Structures are given as C-alpha cells and as structure tokens.
C-alpha cells in the first residue's frame, strides 16, 4: 500500500481466469468500458492516457469517486488512489500468467474516520464487491476467448 497510515479496512480477492494475461489486462484497463461488464460501476469518465497521474471519475456505490492512476505496468500491475465521501482508498491489481490462464489478485485499503466508523458494513460491501467484480471480469474475458 502506498499510504503510511494504517488502513481502517482492507479488502482482498483472487481468482484464476481462463484467458491470457494480455486479454484480461485489456478488459481491466479499458476503464471507460467498466460499466459494460461491471454492474457495480454506473458510469465512468476516463479520457486517458493509461499512465500514472491520469485522473478518472466514476460512480460506484453511493458516491462519485475521483481517482488517479499511480502505477501502470502492462500487463501485470495497475494501481490507483481515490476519494469519495471523505474515504480515501488505494486499489491494486496484479495479473500473473498461470496454468494457461491468468491468476488475478486485487486489494483495496480504505482510510479515514468515516471508514473507521462504518468499518463493518464497508467490509461486507467491499468483500462482496470484489468477489462480484472478479466474477464479472472472468466472465467478460472468458467470453472474449470463446468468441475468438
């Protein structure tokens, strides 16, 4: 994590996806297409480029999130930080070629007083959101493999 402060909560998830890393990377990093495959994302504004320092705005959950890309190492790693409703978040994704597909791991840490106060409910929401997002990412990538 990039923040030195101890996070109020951290969510993690991982999954094997039966698609090559470059394809999974393409699905994951076409940020403007997130609403097409991830139903948690209501809208996205990303004007590029996919590079550190680029800002994007999106709606997921109760608030609009303003995020900034921190690190981009295609096709293996991407991270960003963002803020919504006084909660600061730091999100990371790792993609690794494994067993003919891609092993994906993601982690997000929430910081701030509101995150501490709402820790239990936010933890449940984050855990479900991550599991769902990885399932949807897998479905989209694997569907692209099947359709050629």
C-alpha atoms as a PDB file:
ATOM      1  CA  UNK A   1       0.000   0.000   0.000  1.00  0.00           C
ATOM      2  CA  UNK A   2       1.188   3.484  -0.794  1.00  0.00           C
ATOM      3  CA  UNK A   3      -0.245   5.161   2.309  1.00  0.00           C
ATOM      4  CA  UNK A   4       1.836   5.026   5.534  1.00  0.00           C
ATOM      5  CA  UNK A   5      -1.277   5.307   7.725  1.00  0.00           C
ATOM      6  CA  UNK A   6      -2.823   2.043   8.940  1.00  0.00           C
ATOM      7  CA  UNK A   7      -5.955   1.377   6.860  1.00  0.00           C
ATOM      8  CA  UNK A   8      -9.349   1.266   8.541  1.00  0.00           C
ATOM      9  CA  UNK A   9     -10.091  -1.844   6.473  1.00  0.00           C
ATOM     10  CA  UNK A  10      -8.673  -3.827   3.590  1.00  0.00           C
ATOM     11  CA  UNK A  11     -10.440  -5.996   1.046  1.00  0.00           C
ATOM     12  CA  UNK A  12      -8.722  -8.713  -0.973  1.00  0.00           C
ATOM     13  CA  UNK A  13      -9.801 -11.225  -3.576  1.00  0.00           C
ATOM     14  CA  UNK A  14      -8.146 -13.523  -6.076  1.00  0.00           C
ATOM     15  CA  UNK A  15      -9.232 -15.771  -8.896  1.00  0.00           C
ATOM     16  CA  UNK A  16      -7.936 -17.810 -11.791  1.00  0.00           C
ATOM     17  CA  UNK A  17      -9.301 -16.611 -15.153  1.00  0.00           C
ATOM     18  CA  UNK A  18      -9.169 -18.859 -18.200  1.00  0.00           C
ATOM     19  CA  UNK A  19      -7.862 -16.176 -20.556  1.00  0.00           C
ATOM     20  CA  UNK A  20      -4.363 -14.891 -21.373  1.00  0.00           C
ATOM     21  CA  UNK A  21      -2.962 -12.030 -19.278  1.00  0.00           C
ATOM     22  CA  UNK A  22      -2.936  -9.570 -22.191  1.00  0.00           C
ATOM     23  CA  UNK A  23      -6.667 -10.081 -22.779  1.00  0.00           C
ATOM     24  CA  UNK A  24      -7.526  -9.798 -19.064  1.00  0.00           C
ATOM     25  CA  UNK A  25      -5.363  -6.657 -18.928  1.00  0.00           C
ATOM     26  CA  UNK A  26      -7.225  -5.203 -21.894  1.00  0.00           C
ATOM     27  CA  UNK A  27     -10.623  -5.773 -20.258  1.00  0.00           C
ATOM     28  CA  UNK A  28      -9.454  -4.414 -16.902  1.00  0.00           C
ATOM     29  CA  UNK A  29      -7.651  -1.326 -18.197  1.00  0.00           C
ATOM     30  CA  UNK A  30     -10.195  -0.078 -20.706  1.00  0.00           C
ATOM     31  CA  UNK A  31     -11.613   1.935 -17.855  1.00  0.00           C
ATOM     32  CA  UNK A  32     -14.231   3.638 -19.989  1.00  0.00           C
ATOM     33  CA  UNK A  33     -15.773   0.190 -20.654  1.00  0.00           C
ATOM     34  CA  UNK A  34     -16.175  -0.791 -16.987  1.00  0.00           C
ATOM     35  CA  UNK A  35     -19.945  -0.062 -16.946  1.00  0.00           C
ATOM     36  CA  UNK A  36     -20.371  -2.513 -19.864  1.00  0.00           C
ATOM     37  CA  UNK A  37     -19.210  -5.521 -17.857  1.00  0.00           C
ATOM     38  CA  UNK A  38     -19.189  -4.493 -14.177  1.00  0.00           C
ATOM     39  CA  UNK A  39     -22.705  -3.687 -12.999  1.00  0.00           C
ATOM     40  CA  UNK A  40     -21.349  -2.033  -9.819  1.00  0.00           C
ATOM     41  CA  UNK A  41     -19.986   0.789 -11.986  1.00  0.00           C
ATOM     42  CA  UNK A  42     -22.851   3.058 -13.018  1.00  0.00           C
ATOM     43  CA  UNK A  43     -20.766   5.410 -15.178  1.00  0.00           C
ATOM     44  CA  UNK A  44     -17.145   6.210 -15.944  1.00  0.00           C
ATOM     45  CA  UNK A  45     -15.304   9.204 -17.325  1.00  0.00           C
ATOM     46  CA  UNK A  46     -11.786   8.395 -18.447  1.00  0.00           C
ATOM     47  CA  UNK A  47     -10.103  10.490 -21.096  1.00  0.00           C
ATOM     48  CA  UNK A  48      -6.732   8.711 -20.905  1.00  0.00           C
ATOM     49  CA  UNK A  49      -3.934   8.076 -21.292  1.00  0.00           C
ATOM     50  CA  UNK A  50      -3.434   4.909 -19.255  1.00  0.00           C
ATOM     51  CA  UNK A  51      -0.459   6.366 -17.396  1.00  0.00           C
ATOM     52  CA  UNK A  52       0.487   7.486 -13.885  1.00  0.00           C
ATOM     53  CA  UNK A  53      -1.130  10.794 -12.974  1.00  0.00           C
ATOM     54  CA  UNK A  54      -4.202  10.405 -15.196  1.00  0.00           C
ATOM     55  CA  UNK A  55      -7.414  11.200 -13.351  1.00  0.00           C
ATOM     56  CA  UNK A  56     -10.756   9.474 -13.836  1.00  0.00           C
ATOM     57  CA  UNK A  57     -14.209   9.889 -12.302  1.00  0.00           C
ATOM     58  CA  UNK A  58     -16.742   7.167 -11.797  1.00  0.00           C
ATOM     59  CA  UNK A  59     -19.865   6.195  -9.911  1.00  0.00           C
ATOM     60  CA  UNK A  60     -19.971   3.018  -7.868  1.00  0.00           C
ATOM     61  CA  UNK A  61     -21.970   2.614  -4.696  1.00  0.00           C
ATOM     62  CA  UNK A  62     -23.299   5.740  -3.012  1.00  0.00           C
ATOM     63  CA  UNK A  63     -20.799   8.294  -4.284  1.00  0.00           C
ATOM     64  CA  UNK A  64     -18.845   9.636  -7.189  1.00  0.00           C
ATOM     65  CA  UNK A  65     -15.211   8.592  -6.944  1.00  0.00           C
ATOM     66  CA  UNK A  66     -12.349  10.748  -8.162  1.00  0.00           C
ATOM     67  CA  UNK A  67      -9.314   8.543  -8.790  1.00  0.00           C
ATOM     68  CA  UNK A  68      -5.787   8.983 -10.108  1.00  0.00           C
ATOM     69  CA  UNK A  69      -3.606   6.278 -11.644  1.00  0.00           C
ATOM     70  CA  UNK A  70      -0.440   5.670  -9.626  1.00  0.00           C
ATOM     71  CA  UNK A  71       1.426   2.874 -11.386  1.00  0.00           C
ATOM     72  CA  UNK A  72       0.855   1.069 -14.688  1.00  0.00           C
ATOM     73  CA  UNK A  73       2.998  -1.930 -15.626  1.00  0.00           C
ATOM     74  CA  UNK A  74       1.270  -3.670 -18.544  1.00  0.00           C
ATOM     75  CA  UNK A  75       0.124  -6.429 -18.473  1.00  0.00           C
ATOM     76  CA  UNK A  76       0.901  -7.263 -14.833  1.00  0.00           C
ATOM     77  CA  UNK A  77       0.084  -4.446 -12.422  1.00  0.00           C
ATOM     78  CA  UNK A  78      -2.052  -1.325 -12.062  1.00  0.00           C
ATOM     79  CA  UNK A  79      -2.841   0.832  -9.044  1.00  0.00           C
ATOM     80  CA  UNK A  80      -4.752   3.989  -8.295  1.00  0.00           C
ATOM     81  CA  UNK A  81      -5.938   6.040  -5.361  1.00  0.00           C
ATOM     82  CA  UNK A  82      -9.252   7.791  -4.998  1.00  0.00           C
ATOM     83  CA  UNK A  83     -11.616   9.608  -2.695  1.00  0.00           C
ATOM     84  CA  UNK A  84     -15.349   9.552  -2.074  1.00  0.00           C
ATOM     85  CA  UNK A  85     -17.489  10.580   0.886  1.00  0.00           C
ATOM     86  CA  UNK A  86     -14.336  11.516   2.866  1.00  0.00           C
ATOM     87  CA  UNK A  87     -12.942   7.991   2.448  1.00  0.00           C
ATOM     88  CA  UNK A  88      -9.536   7.659   0.834  1.00  0.00           C
ATOM     89  CA  UNK A  89      -8.874   4.392  -0.963  1.00  0.00           C
ATOM     90  CA  UNK A  90      -5.857   2.746  -2.552  1.00  0.00           C
ATOM     91  CA  UNK A  91      -6.522  -0.045  -5.064  1.00  0.00           C
ATOM     92  CA  UNK A  92      -4.102  -2.523  -6.649  1.00  0.00           C
ATOM     93  CA  UNK A  93      -4.429  -5.291  -9.259  1.00  0.00           C
ATOM     94  CA  UNK A  94      -1.868  -7.998 -10.043  1.00  0.00           C
ATOM     95  CA  UNK A  95      -2.109 -10.292 -13.096  1.00  0.00           C
ATOM     96  CA  UNK A  96       0.131 -13.332 -13.435  1.00  0.00           C
ATOM     97  CA  UNK A  97       0.307 -15.912 -16.234  1.00  0.00           C
ATOM     98  CA  UNK A  98      -0.521 -19.232 -14.578  1.00  0.00           C
ATOM     99  CA  UNK A  99      -1.772 -22.645 -15.724  1.00  0.00           C
ATOM    100  CA  UNK A 100      -2.588 -21.440 -19.240  1.00  0.00           C
ATOM    101  CA  UNK A 101      -4.646 -18.504 -17.983  1.00  0.00           C
ATOM    102  CA  UNK A 102      -4.303 -15.548 -15.638  1.00  0.00           C
ATOM    103  CA  UNK A 103      -4.205 -15.518 -11.862  1.00  0.00           C
ATOM    104  CA  UNK A 104      -5.705 -12.191 -10.727  1.00  0.00           C
ATOM    105  CA  UNK A 105      -5.330 -10.691  -7.287  1.00  0.00           C
ATOM    106  CA  UNK A 106      -6.801  -7.392  -6.157  1.00  0.00           C
ATOM    107  CA  UNK A 107      -6.594  -5.438  -2.922  1.00  0.00           C
ATOM    108  CA  UNK A 108      -8.035  -2.159  -1.711  1.00  0.00           C
ATOM    109  CA  UNK A 109      -7.443  -0.285   1.522  1.00  0.00           C
ATOM    110  CA  UNK A 110      -9.796   2.351   2.948  1.00  0.00           C
ATOM    111  CA  UNK A 111      -8.507   5.189   5.108  1.00  0.00           C
ATOM    112  CA  UNK A 112     -10.235   7.916   7.116  1.00  0.00           C
ATOM    113  CA  UNK A 113     -12.612   8.485  10.012  1.00  0.00           C
ATOM    114  CA  UNK A 114     -15.772   7.536   8.098  1.00  0.00           C
ATOM    115  CA  UNK A 115     -14.143   4.263   7.001  1.00  0.00           C
ATOM    116  CA  UNK A 116     -13.322   3.521  10.651  1.00  0.00           C
ATOM    117  CA  UNK A 117     -16.853   4.349  11.840  1.00  0.00           C
ATOM    118  CA  UNK A 118     -18.507   2.260   9.103  1.00  0.00           C
ATOM    119  CA  UNK A 119     -15.837  -0.457   9.114  1.00  0.00           C
ATOM    120  CA  UNK A 120     -18.114  -3.496   9.487  1.00  0.00           C
ATOM    121  CA  UNK A 121     -20.680  -2.548   6.864  1.00  0.00           C
ATOM    122  CA  UNK A 122     -17.975  -1.324   4.464  1.00  0.00           C
ATOM    123  CA  UNK A 123     -16.012  -4.565   4.898  1.00  0.00           C
ATOM    124  CA  UNK A 124     -19.045  -6.660   3.917  1.00  0.00           C
ATOM    125  CA  UNK A 125     -19.718  -4.394   0.935  1.00  0.00           C
ATOM    126  CA  UNK A 126     -16.067  -4.475  -0.163  1.00  0.00           C
ATOM    127  CA  UNK A 127     -15.785  -8.270   0.103  1.00  0.00           C
ATOM    128  CA  UNK A 128     -18.943  -8.788  -1.961  1.00  0.00           C
ATOM    129  CA  UNK A 129     -17.952  -6.134  -4.480  1.00  0.00           C
ATOM    130  CA  UNK A 130     -14.536  -7.730  -5.046  1.00  0.00           C
ATOM    131  CA  UNK A 131     -15.929 -11.244  -5.474  1.00  0.00           C
ATOM    132  CA  UNK A 132     -18.550  -9.948  -7.908  1.00  0.00           C
ATOM    133  CA  UNK A 133     -16.049  -7.814  -9.848  1.00  0.00           C
ATOM    134  CA  UNK A 134     -13.645 -10.736 -10.289  1.00  0.00           C
ATOM    135  CA  UNK A 135     -16.514 -12.971 -11.426  1.00  0.00           C
ATOM    136  CA  UNK A 136     -17.602 -10.355 -13.969  1.00  0.00           C
ATOM    137  CA  UNK A 137     -14.021  -9.756 -15.154  1.00  0.00           C
ATOM    138  CA  UNK A 138     -13.605 -13.508 -15.631  1.00  0.00           C
ATOM    139  CA  UNK A 139     -16.917 -13.794 -17.449  1.00  0.00           C
ATOM    140  CA  UNK A 140     -16.050 -10.949 -19.835  1.00  0.00           C
ATOM    141  CA  UNK A 141     -12.516 -12.175 -20.558  1.00  0.00           C
ATOM    142  CA  UNK A 142     -13.526 -15.831 -20.939  1.00  0.00           C
ATOM    143  CA  UNK A 143     -16.422 -14.844 -23.212  1.00  0.00           C
ATOM    144  CA  UNK A 144     -13.972 -12.959 -25.444  1.00  0.00           C
ATOM    145  CA  UNK A 145     -11.738 -16.056 -25.617  1.00  0.00           C
ATOM    146  CA  UNK A 146     -14.732 -18.243 -26.556  1.00  0.00           C
ATOM    147  CA  UNK A 147     -15.876 -15.845 -29.289  1.00  0.00           C
ATOM    148  CA  UNK A 148     -12.441 -15.850 -30.849  1.00  0.00           C
END
